[in-house]
Amino acid sequence: MYPFLRMFKSMFTARKAPQLDLLETHISHHMCWPWDIDFWMELNNGRTLTLYDLGRLPAGQRAGMYGPMRDNKWGMTVAGTCIRYRQRVRMFDKVEIRTRMLGWDKRFFYMDQSMWKTNGACSSHAVLRMALTDKNGIVDPQKLMDCLKPGAESPDLSDWVQKWIEAEDQRPWPPVKTD
């Protein structure tokens, strides 16, 4: 089940935090609970993505994204994720999630999230592309940026992010069905 109570707490806490520029880093703290683990007694890979939600949504709130989204009847959806797992997170481990916007293009926002253990080790790192949507499909992210910071331009995306975007553009959709 989705951790609605944890999300409510994260959003409530973010509401009281200072406003954040869209390109600044939002930091949140979480714990790996017994219902977050898998058979190997560590943070489940799917739950890792859910915990990243608990960092990403409050970051958007602090950046002021949700007012213009509500006013324009826009939604936001994850359109792709590239994640790397490196350190195990065990039950009752505390982690820090760092969330920041990398930039945007004509179709997507690109966001960077990392999870850090209390010993300073990076447990996982994810890059997401997020689509701003309305009833007609994908909305140019610049429209939201113009609401938040008129005239803002995206920072240059790093080479490895550009290569990920290129690789995703070459990936067939829908995928080939296999027997």
C-alpha atoms as a PDB file:
ATOM      1  CA  MET A   1       0.000   0.000   0.000  1.00  0.00           C
ATOM      2  CA  TYR A   2       1.157   3.509  -0.775  1.00  0.00           C
ATOM      3  CA  PRO A   3       2.493   5.315   2.343  1.00  0.00           C
ATOM      4  CA  PHE A   4      -0.147   8.046   2.443  1.00  0.00           C
ATOM      5  CA  LEU A   5       0.537   8.967   6.076  1.00  0.00           C
ATOM      6  CA  ARG A   6       4.245   9.368   5.382  1.00  0.00           C
ATOM      7  CA  MET A   7       3.456  11.486   2.325  1.00  0.00           C
ATOM      8  CA  PHE A   8       1.072  13.653   4.351  1.00  0.00           C
ATOM      9  CA  LYS A   9       3.806  14.175   6.953  1.00  0.00           C
ATOM     10  CA  SER A  10       6.380  15.003   4.252  1.00  0.00           C
ATOM     11  CA  MET A  11       4.075  17.512   2.577  1.00  0.00           C
ATOM     12  CA  PHE A  12       3.083  19.071   5.918  1.00  0.00           C
ATOM     13  CA  THR A  13       6.738  19.448   6.901  1.00  0.00           C
ATOM     14  CA  ALA A  14       7.607  20.971   3.512  1.00  0.00           C
ATOM     15  CA  ARG A  15       4.760  23.471   3.864  1.00  0.00           C
ATOM     16  CA  LYS A  16       6.537  24.995   6.856  1.00  0.00           C
ATOM     17  CA  ALA A  17       9.985  24.976   5.207  1.00  0.00           C
ATOM     18  CA  PRO A  18      11.388  28.026   3.396  1.00  0.00           C
ATOM     19  CA  GLN A  19      10.554  28.391  -0.291  1.00  0.00           C
ATOM     20  CA  LEU A  20      13.019  26.684  -2.585  1.00  0.00           C
ATOM     21  CA  ASP A  21      14.269  27.804  -5.974  1.00  0.00           C
ATOM     22  CA  LEU A  22      13.433  25.091  -8.495  1.00  0.00           C
ATOM     23  CA  LEU A  23      17.146  24.403  -9.031  1.00  0.00           C
ATOM     24  CA  GLU A  24      18.030  24.181  -5.329  1.00  0.00           C
ATOM     25  CA  THR A  25      18.326  20.883  -3.453  1.00  0.00           C
ATOM     26  CA  HIS A  26      15.515  19.688  -1.193  1.00  0.00           C
ATOM     27  CA  ILE A  27      16.698  17.422   1.635  1.00  0.00           C
ATOM     28  CA  SER A  28      14.374  15.019   3.439  1.00  0.00           C
ATOM     29  CA  HIS A  29      14.943  12.309   6.057  1.00  0.00           C
ATOM     30  CA  HIS A  30      13.315   8.899   6.202  1.00  0.00           C
ATOM     31  CA  MET A  31      13.558   5.519   7.878  1.00  0.00           C
ATOM     32  CA  CYS A  32      13.349   2.042   6.389  1.00  0.00           C
ATOM     33  CA  TRP A  33      10.410   0.430   8.201  1.00  0.00           C
ATOM     34  CA  PRO A  34       9.594  -3.303   8.364  1.00  0.00           C
ATOM     35  CA  TRP A  35       6.944  -2.892   5.627  1.00  0.00           C
ATOM     36  CA  ASP A  36       9.601  -1.409   3.298  1.00  0.00           C
ATOM     37  CA  ILE A  37      11.810  -4.498   3.196  1.00  0.00           C
ATOM     38  CA  ASP A  38      11.943  -7.524   0.917  1.00  0.00           C
ATOM     39  CA  PHE A  39      12.853 -11.193   1.491  1.00  0.00           C
ATOM     40  CA  TRP A  40      16.528 -10.239   1.863  1.00  0.00           C
ATOM     41  CA  MET A  41      15.713  -7.949   4.794  1.00  0.00           C
ATOM     42  CA  GLU A  42      16.651  -4.784   2.912  1.00  0.00           C
ATOM     43  CA  LEU A  43      14.820  -1.875   1.328  1.00  0.00           C
ATOM     44  CA  ASN A  44      12.764  -3.203  -1.572  1.00  0.00           C
ATOM     45  CA  ASN A  45      13.759  -1.733  -4.939  1.00  0.00           C
ATOM     46  CA  GLY A  46      10.182  -0.680  -5.711  1.00  0.00           C
ATOM     47  CA  ARG A  47       9.801   0.907  -2.298  1.00  0.00           C
ATOM     48  CA  THR A  48      12.980   2.882  -2.998  1.00  0.00           C
ATOM     49  CA  LEU A  49      11.117   4.606  -5.826  1.00  0.00           C
ATOM     50  CA  THR A  50       8.196   5.265  -3.486  1.00  0.00           C
ATOM     51  CA  LEU A  51      10.543   6.826  -0.929  1.00  0.00           C
ATOM     52  CA  TYR A  52      11.871   9.020  -3.718  1.00  0.00           C
ATOM     53  CA  ASP A  53       8.253  10.238  -4.116  1.00  0.00           C
ATOM     54  CA  LEU A  54       8.469  11.369  -0.483  1.00  0.00           C
ATOM     55  CA  GLY A  55      11.386  13.583  -1.474  1.00  0.00           C
ATOM     56  CA  ARG A  56      10.215  14.708  -4.900  1.00  0.00           C
ATOM     57  CA  LEU A  57       6.658  15.855  -4.155  1.00  0.00           C
ATOM     58  CA  PRO A  58       7.608  18.092  -1.199  1.00  0.00           C
ATOM     59  CA  ALA A  59      10.432  19.562  -3.328  1.00  0.00           C
ATOM     60  CA  GLY A  60       7.833  20.595  -5.911  1.00  0.00           C
ATOM     61  CA  GLN A  61       5.687  22.088  -3.168  1.00  0.00           C
ATOM     62  CA  ARG A  62       8.577  24.137  -1.786  1.00  0.00           C
ATOM     63  CA  ALA A  63       9.419  25.357  -5.307  1.00  0.00           C
ATOM     64  CA  GLY A  64       5.854  26.625  -5.752  1.00  0.00           C
ATOM     65  CA  MET A  65       4.971  24.318  -8.644  1.00  0.00           C
ATOM     66  CA  TYR A  66       1.547  23.210  -7.443  1.00  0.00           C
ATOM     67  CA  GLY A  67      -0.275  26.571  -7.539  1.00  0.00           C
ATOM     68  CA  PRO A  68       0.306  27.145 -11.276  1.00  0.00           C
ATOM     69  CA  MET A  69      -0.341  23.462 -11.947  1.00  0.00           C
ATOM     70  CA  ARG A  70      -3.692  23.664 -10.180  1.00  0.00           C
ATOM     71  CA  ASP A  71      -4.614  26.952 -11.886  1.00  0.00           C
ATOM     72  CA  ASN A  72      -3.837  25.541 -15.338  1.00  0.00           C
ATOM     73  CA  LYS A  73      -5.229  22.052 -14.644  1.00  0.00           C
ATOM     74  CA  TRP A  74      -1.850  20.475 -15.290  1.00  0.00           C
ATOM     75  CA  GLY A  75      -0.644  17.192 -13.861  1.00  0.00           C
ATOM     76  CA  MET A  76       2.850  15.739 -13.500  1.00  0.00           C
ATOM     77  CA  THR A  77       3.861  12.180 -14.193  1.00  0.00           C
ATOM     78  CA  VAL A  78       7.092  10.199 -14.179  1.00  0.00           C
ATOM     79  CA  ALA A  79       7.877   9.432 -17.822  1.00  0.00           C
ATOM     80  CA  GLY A  80      11.114   7.513 -17.239  1.00  0.00           C
ATOM     81  CA  THR A  81      13.613   6.569 -14.561  1.00  0.00           C
ATOM     82  CA  CYS A  82      17.226   5.495 -14.601  1.00  0.00           C
ATOM     83  CA  ILE A  83      18.344   4.190 -11.208  1.00  0.00           C
ATOM     84  CA  ARG A  84      21.536   2.753  -9.792  1.00  0.00           C
ATOM     85  CA  TYR A  85      21.614   0.793  -6.512  1.00  0.00           C
ATOM     86  CA  ARG A  86      24.946   0.529  -4.664  1.00  0.00           C
ATOM     87  CA  GLN A  87      24.525   0.187  -0.874  1.00  0.00           C
ATOM     88  CA  ARG A  88      21.967  -1.867   1.003  1.00  0.00           C
ATOM     89  CA  VAL A  89      19.507  -0.110   3.255  1.00  0.00           C
ATOM     90  CA  ARG A  90      18.444  -2.383   6.094  1.00  0.00           C
ATOM     91  CA  MET A  91      15.421  -2.262   8.357  1.00  0.00           C
ATOM     92  CA  PHE A  92      15.468   0.786  10.686  1.00  0.00           C
ATOM     93  CA  ASP A  93      18.303   2.446   8.753  1.00  0.00           C
ATOM     94  CA  LYS A  94      17.845   6.200   8.462  1.00  0.00           C
ATOM     95  CA  VAL A  95      18.418   7.770   5.073  1.00  0.00           C
ATOM     96  CA  GLU A  96      18.626  11.259   3.634  1.00  0.00           C
ATOM     97  CA  ILE A  97      17.117  11.925   0.221  1.00  0.00           C
ATOM     98  CA  ARG A  98      18.470  14.790  -1.864  1.00  0.00           C
ATOM     99  CA  THR A  99      16.251  16.022  -4.685  1.00  0.00           C
ATOM    100  CA  ARG A 100      17.095  18.629  -7.301  1.00  0.00           C
ATOM    101  CA  MET A 101      15.958  19.711 -10.732  1.00  0.00           C
ATOM    102  CA  LEU A 102      18.624  19.274 -13.401  1.00  0.00           C
ATOM    103  CA  GLY A 103      16.812  21.141 -16.165  1.00  0.00           C
ATOM    104  CA  TRP A 104      14.183  20.751 -18.868  1.00  0.00           C
ATOM    105  CA  ASP A 105      13.671  20.525 -22.595  1.00  0.00           C
ATOM    106  CA  LYS A 106      10.586  20.852 -24.840  1.00  0.00           C
ATOM    107  CA  ARG A 107       8.994  17.685 -23.409  1.00  0.00           C
ATOM    108  CA  PHE A 108      10.316  16.862 -19.946  1.00  0.00           C
ATOM    109  CA  PHE A 109      11.744  18.072 -16.662  1.00  0.00           C
ATOM    110  CA  TYR A 110      14.841  16.113 -15.552  1.00  0.00           C
ATOM    111  CA  MET A 111      15.292  15.498 -11.847  1.00  0.00           C
ATOM    112  CA  ASP A 112      18.150  14.026  -9.828  1.00  0.00           C
ATOM    113  CA  GLN A 113      17.550  12.125  -6.592  1.00  0.00           C
ATOM    114  CA  SER A 114      20.013  10.356  -4.346  1.00  0.00           C
ATOM    115  CA  MET A 115      19.640   8.398  -1.112  1.00  0.00           C
ATOM    116  CA  TRP A 116      22.399   8.641   1.495  1.00  0.00           C
ATOM    117  CA  LYS A 117      22.988   6.455   4.533  1.00  0.00           C
ATOM    118  CA  THR A 118      24.025   7.900   7.901  1.00  0.00           C
ATOM    119  CA  ASN A 119      27.576   6.582   7.313  1.00  0.00           C
ATOM    120  CA  GLY A 120      27.863   8.913   4.301  1.00  0.00           C
ATOM    121  CA  ALA A 121      27.544   6.195   1.653  1.00  0.00           C
ATOM    122  CA  CYS A 122      25.275   6.773  -1.308  1.00  0.00           C
ATOM    123  CA  SER A 123      22.748   3.947  -1.373  1.00  0.00           C
ATOM    124  CA  SER A 124      21.097   4.736  -4.701  1.00  0.00           C
ATOM    125  CA  HIS A 125      20.900   7.421  -7.340  1.00  0.00           C
ATOM    126  CA  ALA A 126      18.013   8.074  -9.718  1.00  0.00           C
ATOM    127  CA  VAL A 127      17.443  10.393 -12.628  1.00  0.00           C
ATOM    128  CA  LEU A 128      13.847  10.903 -13.655  1.00  0.00           C
ATOM    129  CA  ARG A 129      12.147  12.599 -16.507  1.00  0.00           C
ATOM    130  CA  MET A 130       8.842  14.133 -15.587  1.00  0.00           C
ATOM    131  CA  ALA A 131       6.085  15.121 -17.993  1.00  0.00           C
ATOM    132  CA  LEU A 132       3.817  18.075 -17.337  1.00  0.00           C
ATOM    133  CA  THR A 133       0.411  17.063 -18.710  1.00  0.00           C
ATOM    134  CA  ASP A 134      -3.054  18.333 -19.457  1.00  0.00           C
ATOM    135  CA  LYS A 135      -6.109  16.786 -21.128  1.00  0.00           C
ATOM    136  CA  ASN A 136      -4.346  17.012 -24.509  1.00  0.00           C
ATOM    137  CA  GLY A 137      -1.113  15.280 -23.456  1.00  0.00           C
ATOM    138  CA  ILE A 138       2.351  16.629 -22.704  1.00  0.00           C
ATOM    139  CA  VAL A 139       2.715  20.370 -22.013  1.00  0.00           C
ATOM    140  CA  ASP A 140       5.987  22.198 -22.730  1.00  0.00           C
ATOM    141  CA  PRO A 141       7.738  22.533 -19.321  1.00  0.00           C
ATOM    142  CA  GLN A 142       8.681  26.101 -20.203  1.00  0.00           C
ATOM    143  CA  LYS A 143       5.031  27.068 -19.599  1.00  0.00           C
ATOM    144  CA  LEU A 144       5.335  26.098 -15.932  1.00  0.00           C
ATOM    145  CA  MET A 145       8.742  27.739 -15.687  1.00  0.00           C
ATOM    146  CA  ASP A 146       7.314  30.971 -17.092  1.00  0.00           C
ATOM    147  CA  CYS A 147       4.739  30.909 -14.276  1.00  0.00           C
ATOM    148  CA  LEU A 148       7.430  30.380 -11.639  1.00  0.00           C
ATOM    149  CA  LYS A 149      10.317  32.395 -13.041  1.00  0.00           C
ATOM    150  CA  PRO A 150       9.487  34.242 -16.280  1.00  0.00           C
ATOM    151  CA  GLY A 151      12.308  34.026 -18.798  1.00  0.00           C
ATOM    152  CA  ALA A 152      14.116  31.230 -16.932  1.00  0.00           C
ATOM    153  CA  GLU A 153      16.226  29.015 -19.147  1.00  0.00           C
ATOM    154  CA  SER A 154      17.192  25.449 -18.433  1.00  0.00           C
ATOM    155  CA  PRO A 155      20.737  24.854 -17.300  1.00  0.00           C
ATOM    156  CA  ASP A 156      22.713  22.694 -19.719  1.00  0.00           C
ATOM    157  CA  LEU A 157      22.118  19.029 -18.980  1.00  0.00           C
ATOM    158  CA  SER A 158      25.297  17.041 -18.364  1.00  0.00           C
ATOM    159  CA  ASP A 159      26.625  14.791 -21.124  1.00  0.00           C
ATOM    160  CA  TRP A 160      25.592  11.565 -19.411  1.00  0.00           C
ATOM    161  CA  VAL A 161      22.017  12.838 -18.962  1.00  0.00           C
ATOM    162  CA  GLN A 162      21.969  13.856 -22.649  1.00  0.00           C
ATOM    163  CA  LYS A 163      23.143  10.353 -23.595  1.00  0.00           C
ATOM    164  CA  TRP A 164      20.390   8.803 -21.468  1.00  0.00           C
ATOM    165  CA  ILE A 165      17.832  11.005 -23.251  1.00  0.00           C
ATOM    166  CA  GLU A 166      19.229   9.926 -26.632  1.00  0.00           C
ATOM    167  CA  ALA A 167      19.144   6.256 -25.606  1.00  0.00           C
ATOM    168  CA  GLU A 168      15.520   6.594 -24.465  1.00  0.00           C
ATOM    169  CA  ASP A 169      14.617   8.251 -27.783  1.00  0.00           C
ATOM    170  CA  GLN A 170      16.014   5.204 -29.641  1.00  0.00           C
ATOM    171  CA  ARG A 171      14.232   2.670 -27.469  1.00  0.00           C
ATOM    172  CA  PRO A 172      11.272   1.099 -29.276  1.00  0.00           C
ATOM    173  CA  TRP A 173       7.774   1.808 -28.016  1.00  0.00           C
ATOM    174  CA  PRO A 174       5.758  -0.224 -27.493  1.00  0.00           C
ATOM    175  CA  PRO A 175       8.294  -2.921 -26.658  1.00  0.00           C
ATOM    176  CA  VAL A 176       8.417  -6.087 -28.702  1.00  0.00           C
ATOM    177  CA  LYS A 177       6.202  -8.790 -27.189  1.00  0.00           C
ATOM    178  CA  THR A 178       8.082 -11.986 -26.443  1.00  0.00           C
ATOM    179  CA  ASP A 179       6.693 -15.464 -25.965  1.00  0.00           C
END
